[in-house]
Amino acid sequence: MNKSLSCLCMALGLLLFSSGADASNTISITAGPVPSVSVTQGSSIQSEPISPPSSLPVSAPVKADKKPMIAIVIDDMGVDMKRSAQALDLPSAVTMSYLPYSRKITEQVKAAKDKGHEIILHMPMQAENPKEDPGPHHLTVAMTPAQLEENIAASLDAFTGYDGVNNHEGSKFTTYKPGLDIFMADLEKRHVFFLDSRTSPQTVAEQVAKEHHLTATHRDVFLDDVETAGAVVGSLDRVEAVARKTGSVIAIGHPKDVTLPALKTWLATLEAKGFQIVPLSSVVEYRNQVCVVMAQHIDNK
C-alpha cells in the first residue's frame, strides 16, 4: 500500500467512525497513547526518547463476537540472559524480540520457541543521539549500499526461526528512506513482517515496508519507560483502554525486574475482562486485512 492509499484508508476510517456506523462493519481511526522513553535494565542498551505519532494509527473495532486483541512484545531479549530467561515464563502468546548479537543466541531462541513463544528479530539501527550505541552491525545513514547489505546480512543471519523484525532504537535511521528501501527489500526476500517500534515521530519505516509489500504495522504503547511499579500499571491500564476502543493494541516492554512481575499478574486477569492475548503476528495480520478490504472497496468504486 502506498502512502496516499494509506492516508486515504485512514481518512475513510475516520469518516466511518465519526458517522456512528455499526462498529462491526466499519474501520475507525483513533489516537494512540503518547509514546515515551524506555531503558533496558542490566545492560548499556537504551531506547531514545520519542514523541507522539505525527499521524493517527489505523485500527478497527472487532466484531461484537470477538474479544479485543492485545499483543505484548518483549524487546531487547538475549543480552541480559538471566532476565531474558525469566521472561520466557510469561504466557506463550507473548512475543519475544531478540537482539541478534546476543550471546548463545541460537540456544536462547530455541528455549523461547520450545515454550511456544513467537520470535521476532530486534534490528539495531542508528539513533538520533550520537551517544546511543545500538550495538554491533547497526544500520546508519552514512553507510554505502554495500555496507548496509553487509550489516543487514550479519544481523538477519544471526539466527533463524523468526517471523518478523522490529527496530532497536533507530530514531535516525527510520527516517532515512534510501537505507530503509535496502533493508525492506531484504526483508521482503525473507517473507517476514515488520513492526515499527516508533522511536521517532518522523519515522517512515512502516510506509516503506508496505511499499515493499511487507505486512507491517506499528507499536502503540511502551510499558516501562518509567521503572516503577505504579508507572507500569498505568501503562497496562492504557493498553486496556486502547484495546477496548480500537479492537487491537501492540505494547512493547523489556525484561526488567519491575516489568515482568507486573505483566505476569496482569496477563492472568485479561480473559475475565474480555480480552484475548495473541501473538504479535495476529494483530499485524488483522490490521493489514482491514486496510486491504478498504483498498479493495476503493478500487471497486
Foldseek 3Di string as FASTA:
>chain_A
DAPVLVVVLAVQQCVCVVVVPDLQPGWHWDAFDWEAWAQAPPDQATADGEGGAPDTFTFGAHHPVAFFEEEEEAPAAQAPPVLNVVLLPAQQQHAYEYELPHPPVAVSVVVSVVSNHAYEYAAEEDAPDPVHDSDPLHHYPPDDLVSVVVSLCSRVVSYDRHQAYEYRHHQPVQLRLVSLLSNLLVVLVVQHAYEYARSYSNGCNQNSNVVNVHLYGYARYEQPSDQDLVSNVVRVVSSVVCSNVRRYHYYYYHSDPSNSVSSRVVVVCVVVVRYDYHHPVVRSVVSVVSSVVVVVVVVVD
